[in-house]
C-alpha atoms as a PDB file:
ATOM      1  CA  MET A   1      21.056 215.676  97.144  1.00  0.00           C
ATOM      2  CA  ASP A   2      24.431 214.022  97.235  1.00  0.00           C
ATOM      3  CA  PHE A   3      24.574 210.423  97.374  1.00  0.00           C
ATOM      4  CA  LYS A   4      27.503 208.063  98.392  1.00  0.00           C
ATOM      5  CA  ILE A   5      27.776 204.487  99.501  1.00  0.00           C
ATOM      6  CA  ILE A   6      30.564 202.838 101.215  1.00  0.00           C
ATOM      7  CA  LYS A   7      30.709 199.194 101.337  1.00  0.00           C
ATOM      8  CA  SER A   8      32.475 196.978 103.975  1.00  0.00           C
ATOM      9  CA  PRO A   9      33.336 200.456 106.012  1.00  0.00           C
ATOM     10  CA  SER A  10      36.644 200.192 107.705  1.00  0.00           C
ATOM     11  CA  ASP A  11      36.707 200.629 111.462  1.00  0.00           C
ATOM     12  CA  GLY A  12      38.390 203.930 111.087  1.00  0.00           C
ATOM     13  CA  VAL A  13      35.202 205.266 109.126  1.00  0.00           C
ATOM     14  CA  VAL A  14      32.737 203.310 111.821  1.00  0.00           C
ATOM     15  CA  ASN A  15      34.527 205.397 114.358  1.00  0.00           C
ATOM     16  CA  MET A  16      34.151 208.634 112.500  1.00  0.00           C
ATOM     17  CA  ILE A  17      30.475 208.006 111.899  1.00  0.00           C
ATOM     18  CA  GLN A  18      30.185 206.842 115.765  1.00  0.00           C
ATOM     19  CA  ASN A  19      31.993 210.509 116.598  1.00  0.00           C
ATOM     20  CA  ARG A  20      29.418 212.411 114.599  1.00  0.00           C
ATOM     21  CA  LEU A  21      26.257 210.582 116.182  1.00  0.00           C
ATOM     22  CA  PRO A  22      24.225 212.759 118.631  1.00  0.00           C
ATOM     23  CA  LYS A  23      25.435 211.780 122.056  1.00  0.00           C
ATOM     24  CA  SER A  24      22.441 210.078 122.992  1.00  0.00           C
ATOM     25  CA  ARG A  25      22.381 207.935 119.759  1.00  0.00           C
ATOM     26  CA  ILE A  26      25.906 206.642 120.294  1.00  0.00           C
ATOM     27  CA  ARG A  27      25.798 202.604 119.788  1.00  0.00           C
ATOM     28  CA  VAL A  28      28.563 200.203 120.627  1.00  0.00           C
ATOM     29  CA  ASP A  29      27.030 197.758 118.489  1.00  0.00           C
ATOM     30  CA  LEU A  30      27.628 200.192 114.997  1.00  0.00           C
ATOM     31  CA  LYS A  31      28.763 197.522 112.434  1.00  0.00           C
ATOM     32  CA  TYR A  32      27.065 197.500 109.189  1.00  0.00           C
ATOM     33  CA  ASP A  33      27.964 195.705 105.595  1.00  0.00           C
ATOM     34  CA  SER A  34      27.156 199.213 103.860  1.00  0.00           C
ATOM     35  CA  VAL A  35      26.674 202.634 104.914  1.00  0.00           C
ATOM     36  CA  GLY A  36      24.931 205.111 102.619  1.00  0.00           C
ATOM     37  CA  LEU A  37      25.564 208.981 102.925  1.00  0.00           C
ATOM     38  CA  LEU A  38      23.361 211.682 101.905  1.00  0.00           C
ATOM     39  CA  GLN A  39      23.819 215.274 102.059  1.00  0.00           C
ATOM     40  CA  GLY A  40      21.299 218.103 101.349  1.00  0.00           C
ATOM     41  CA  LYS A  41      18.932 220.417 102.796  1.00  0.00           C
ATOM     42  CA  LEU A  42      17.371 219.344 106.252  1.00  0.00           C
ATOM     43  CA  SER A  43      13.786 218.801 104.411  1.00  0.00           C
ATOM     44  CA  GLU A  44      15.361 216.618 101.941  1.00  0.00           C
ATOM     45  CA  MET A  45      17.234 214.623 104.579  1.00  0.00           C
ATOM     46  CA  LEU A  46      13.774 214.197 106.665  1.00  0.00           C
ATOM     47  CA  TRP A  47      12.408 213.089 103.418  1.00  0.00           C
ATOM     48  CA  ALA A  48      14.976 210.743 102.482  1.00  0.00           C
ATOM     49  CA  ALA A  49      15.062 209.045 106.027  1.00  0.00           C
ATOM     50  CA  ASP A  50      11.326 208.441 105.762  1.00  0.00           C
ATOM     51  CA  ILE A  51      11.655 206.929 102.115  1.00  0.00           C
ATOM     52  CA  ALA A  52      14.738 204.766 103.210  1.00  0.00           C
ATOM     53  CA  GLU A  53      13.059 203.456 106.125  1.00  0.00           C
ATOM     54  CA  LYS A  54       9.922 202.473 104.258  1.00  0.00           C
ATOM     55  CA  ALA A  55      11.872 201.032 101.276  1.00  0.00           C
ATOM     56  CA  ALA A  56      14.420 198.496 102.986  1.00  0.00           C
ATOM     57  CA  ASP A  57      15.383 197.173 106.367  1.00  0.00           C
ATOM     58  CA  VAL A  58      17.979 199.920 107.170  1.00  0.00           C
ATOM     59  CA  THR A  59      18.817 202.032 109.988  1.00  0.00           C
ATOM     60  CA  VAL A  60      19.014 205.847 109.532  1.00  0.00           C
ATOM     61  CA  GLU A  61      20.967 208.278 111.637  1.00  0.00           C
ATOM     62  CA  GLU A  62      21.633 211.915 111.514  1.00  0.00           C
ATOM     63  CA  ILE A  63      25.358 212.738 111.175  1.00  0.00           C
ATOM     64  CA  MET A  64      26.241 215.781 113.174  1.00  0.00           C
ATOM     65  CA  GLY A  65      28.984 217.907 111.700  1.00  0.00           C
ATOM     66  CA  ILE A  66      30.270 221.133 110.248  1.00  0.00           C
ATOM     67  CA  CYS A  67      28.102 221.465 107.396  1.00  0.00           C
ATOM     68  CA  PRO A  68      26.581 224.912 106.982  1.00  0.00           C
ATOM     69  CA  GLN A  69      23.424 225.919 108.876  1.00  0.00           C
ATOM     70  CA  HIS A  70      20.897 224.553 106.407  1.00  0.00           C
ATOM     71  CA  ILE A  71      22.849 221.658 104.988  1.00  0.00           C
ATOM     72  CA  ALA A  72      22.256 218.067 106.853  1.00  0.00           C
ATOM     73  CA  MET A  73      23.838 214.526 106.589  1.00  0.00           C
ATOM     74  CA  ILE A  74      22.321 211.094 107.206  1.00  0.00           C
ATOM     75  CA  ALA A  75      23.646 207.590 107.191  1.00  0.00           C
ATOM     76  CA  ILE A  76      21.594 204.753 105.991  1.00  0.00           C
ATOM     77  CA  MET A  77      23.101 201.841 107.480  1.00  0.00           C
ATOM     78  CA  GLY A  78      22.269 198.078 106.839  1.00  0.00           C
ATOM     79  CA  ASP A  79      23.524 194.915 104.633  1.00  0.00           C
ATOM     80  CA  THR A  80      24.640 195.920 101.458  1.00  0.00           C
ATOM     81  CA  PHE A  81      21.436 194.853  99.520  1.00  0.00           C
ATOM     82  CA  SER A  82      19.287 197.046 101.927  1.00  0.00           C
ATOM     83  CA  VAL A  83      21.392 200.014 101.431  1.00  0.00           C
ATOM     84  CA  GLU A  84      21.329 199.868  97.617  1.00  0.00           C
ATOM     85  CA  THR A  85      17.761 199.255  97.723  1.00  0.00           C
ATOM     86  CA  ALA A  86      17.144 202.370  99.972  1.00  0.00           C
ATOM     87  CA  ILE A  87      19.396 204.610  97.765  1.00  0.00           C
ATOM     88  CA  GLY A  88      17.869 203.157  94.631  1.00  0.00           C
ATOM     89  CA  ALA A  89      14.435 204.260  96.221  1.00  0.00           C
ATOM     90  CA  LEU A  90      15.588 207.747  97.090  1.00  0.00           C
ATOM     91  CA  LYS A  91      17.147 208.361  93.669  1.00  0.00           C
ATOM     92  CA  ALA A  92      13.716 207.311  92.009  1.00  0.00           C
ATOM     93  CA  ALA A  93      11.945 209.540  94.499  1.00  0.00           C
ATOM     94  CA  PHE A  94      14.102 212.303  93.873  1.00  0.00           C
ATOM     95  CA  ASN A  95      13.932 211.965  90.067  1.00  0.00           C
ATOM     96  CA  ASP A  96      10.095 211.797  90.225  1.00  0.00           C
ATOM     97  CA  ALA A  97       9.877 215.210  92.489  1.00  0.00           C
ATOM     98  CA  LEU A  98      12.217 216.891  89.960  1.00  0.00           C
ATOM     99  CA  ASN A  99      10.195 215.882  87.141  1.00  0.00           C
ATOM    100  CA  GLU A 100       6.875 217.114  88.725  1.00  0.00           C
ATOM    101  CA  GLY A 101       8.463 220.515  89.629  1.00  0.00           C
ATOM    102  CA  PHE A 102       8.902 219.877  93.363  1.00  0.00           C
END
């Protein structure tokens, strides 16, 4: 999995995220302090979304795009502390899974 955090995303970044949300999920109120971006296998992204939503008060959305067939991306959105908490929980869970041989 590849992790990135954008603190105080610019309007242009927010527009790019909006444009990559599934049409049924487009939101006019999309404005968050931070956005965490994760890219990886679809199974990892589903697992990551579940962990992130349970770890912190964040919104998780699938980002549609030009990724290869078996690669997916999700955005974890919320206040900076919550996004950092969610990403920290994901990194810990990912490291635990690696250590356990998953």
